[in-house]
Amino acid sequence: MMRQNAFSIQPFEAKRIQYMSTRSYDEILQHFQNLVDTTDHTSVLQGASESVRTAEDYEQLIRSHVGESGFILFFSIDHGKWLKLLGVQQRVMRLIFGNPLVAITMMKHDVKGLCCKNIKRNIKNGVSPFFCCV
């Protein structure tokens, strides 16, 4: 018997938290980089290392890479670079960060729940809205 594809829409409740800062774009970005380890951690996050063989190894690896805030940068998108090509002159960057050791407590209960639990920060032209989907 061939399996069929399935599609569903499930409602959920979320709150958008927004914080507006008077700091400049560059100040906000520098402060973020001081608090969150912003090096490329793709292999670290995926545990792709010869030294990672157990959960304890992975936990130790993550702890050695988190920044002062306890977070790691997962992904960043500099929207300002491509917006410029379309005539929009704004500095906009999306930063997605978190901590896999915190995330696992949620994922043990429901992996799907993590789809909206990451912390996102949009920095736009000297105004810093902070967004967190909760």
Protein backbone atom coordinates (compact mmCIF):
# COMPACT_ATOMS: atom_id res chain seq x y z
CA MET A 1 0.00 0.00 0.00
CA MET A 2 1.37 3.39 -1.01
CA ARG A 3 1.44 6.13 1.65
CA GLN A 4 -0.37 9.36 0.88
CA ASN A 5 0.80 12.88 1.59
CA ALA A 6 -1.09 14.74 4.26
CA PHE A 7 -1.62 18.41 4.96
CA SER A 8 -3.17 19.98 8.02
CA ILE A 9 -3.57 23.40 9.56
CA GLN A 10 -3.56 23.56 13.33
CA PRO A 11 -4.26 26.80 15.18
CA PHE A 12 -1.97 27.90 17.98
CA GLU A 13 -1.68 30.95 20.14
CA ALA A 14 1.44 33.11 20.15
CA LYS A 15 2.45 36.51 21.45
CA ARG A 16 4.78 38.91 19.72
CA ILE A 17 7.01 40.82 22.09
CA GLN A 18 8.50 44.03 20.72
CA TYR A 19 11.16 46.21 22.33
CA MET A 20 12.16 49.51 20.72
CA SER A 21 15.66 50.76 21.52
CA THR A 22 17.20 54.19 21.14
CA ARG A 23 20.59 52.64 20.35
CA SER A 24 21.99 52.81 16.83
CA TYR A 25 21.96 49.83 14.47
CA ASP A 26 25.73 49.41 14.87
CA GLU A 27 25.56 49.63 18.68
CA ILE A 28 22.84 46.99 18.83
CA LEU A 29 24.67 44.65 16.48
CA GLN A 30 27.95 45.04 18.42
CA HIS A 31 26.21 44.47 21.75
CA PHE A 32 24.51 41.34 20.37
CA GLN A 33 27.84 40.02 19.08
CA ASN A 34 29.41 40.59 22.50
CA LEU A 35 26.67 38.59 24.24
CA VAL A 36 26.02 35.79 21.75
CA ASP A 37 28.72 33.66 20.17
CA THR A 38 28.23 34.57 16.49
CA THR A 39 30.78 32.28 14.85
CA ASP A 40 29.49 29.63 12.43
CA HIS A 41 28.32 26.73 14.59
CA THR A 42 26.64 24.57 11.97
CA SER A 43 28.80 21.52 12.71
CA VAL A 44 28.71 22.17 16.46
CA LEU A 45 24.92 22.38 16.55
CA GLN A 46 24.60 19.20 14.54
CA GLY A 47 27.14 17.39 16.73
CA ALA A 48 29.27 16.69 13.66
CA SER A 49 32.54 16.04 15.42
CA GLU A 50 34.66 12.97 16.00
CA SER A 51 34.75 13.81 19.72
CA VAL A 52 30.94 13.79 20.09
CA ARG A 53 29.78 10.26 20.80
CA THR A 54 27.39 10.71 23.73
CA ALA A 55 24.80 13.17 25.01
CA GLU A 56 27.34 14.28 27.63
CA ASP A 57 29.91 14.99 24.89
CA TYR A 58 27.37 17.09 23.01
CA GLU A 59 26.36 18.99 26.14
CA GLN A 60 30.00 19.77 26.90
CA LEU A 61 30.59 20.90 23.31
CA ILE A 62 27.58 23.25 23.37
CA ARG A 63 28.55 24.69 26.76
CA SER A 64 32.02 25.48 25.40
CA HIS A 65 30.54 27.51 22.52
CA VAL A 66 27.75 29.55 24.05
CA GLY A 67 28.34 33.26 24.51
CA GLU A 68 28.07 35.32 27.67
CA SER A 69 24.27 35.25 27.34
CA GLY A 70 24.11 31.46 27.16
CA PHE A 71 22.99 31.59 23.52
CA ILE A 72 24.47 30.57 20.17
CA LEU A 73 23.68 32.20 16.85
CA PHE A 74 21.89 29.63 14.70
CA PHE A 75 21.37 31.70 11.58
CA SER A 76 21.54 35.28 10.37
CA ILE A 77 20.10 36.96 7.29
CA ASP A 78 21.27 40.41 6.24
CA HIS A 79 18.13 41.54 4.43
CA GLY A 80 19.68 44.96 3.83
CA LYS A 81 22.08 43.47 1.26
CA TRP A 82 19.37 42.14 -1.04
CA LEU A 83 16.88 44.94 -0.33
CA LYS A 84 19.46 47.39 -1.67
CA LEU A 85 19.28 45.62 -5.04
CA LEU A 86 15.56 46.40 -5.15
CA GLY A 87 16.00 50.05 -4.26
CA VAL A 88 15.18 49.78 -0.54
CA GLN A 89 17.89 51.55 1.45
CA GLN A 90 17.43 50.04 4.92
CA ARG A 91 19.75 48.12 7.18
CA VAL A 92 17.78 45.08 8.31
CA MET A 93 19.21 41.90 9.79
CA ARG A 94 17.42 38.88 11.21
CA LEU A 95 19.26 36.93 13.90
CA ILE A 96 17.97 33.56 15.07
CA PHE A 97 19.61 32.33 18.23
CA GLY A 98 19.03 29.95 21.09
CA ASN A 99 20.55 27.16 23.11
CA PRO A 100 20.08 23.50 22.13
CA LEU A 101 20.42 22.45 25.77
CA VAL A 102 17.39 24.56 26.64
CA ALA A 103 15.50 23.49 23.52
CA ILE A 104 15.82 19.81 24.37
CA THR A 105 13.57 20.25 27.40
CA MET A 106 10.76 21.34 25.06
CA MET A 107 11.59 18.88 22.31
CA LYS A 108 11.35 15.91 24.67
CA HIS A 109 7.65 16.70 25.02
CA ASP A 110 6.82 17.77 21.46
CA VAL A 111 9.31 18.33 18.63
CA LYS A 112 6.69 20.28 16.63
CA GLY A 113 6.40 22.84 19.41
CA LEU A 114 9.89 24.09 18.68
CA CYS A 115 8.86 25.44 15.27
CA CYS A 116 7.88 28.76 16.83
CA LYS A 117 9.95 28.78 20.02
CA ASN A 118 13.21 30.15 18.71
CA ILE A 119 14.18 33.68 19.57
CA LYS A 120 14.37 36.09 16.66
CA ARG A 121 15.76 39.57 16.67
CA ASN A 122 15.26 41.97 13.80
CA ILE A 123 17.50 44.99 13.77
CA LYS A 124 16.29 47.75 11.49
CA ASN A 125 17.81 51.18 10.86
CA GLY A 126 18.78 52.06 14.39
CA VAL A 127 15.51 50.79 15.80
CA SER A 128 15.69 47.42 17.49
CA PRO A 129 12.43 45.57 17.59
CA PHE A 130 12.89 42.35 19.52
CA PHE A 131 10.59 39.54 18.49
CA CYS A 132 10.05 36.32 20.33
CA CYS A 133 7.34 33.91 19.33
CA VAL A 134 6.08 32.38 22.58
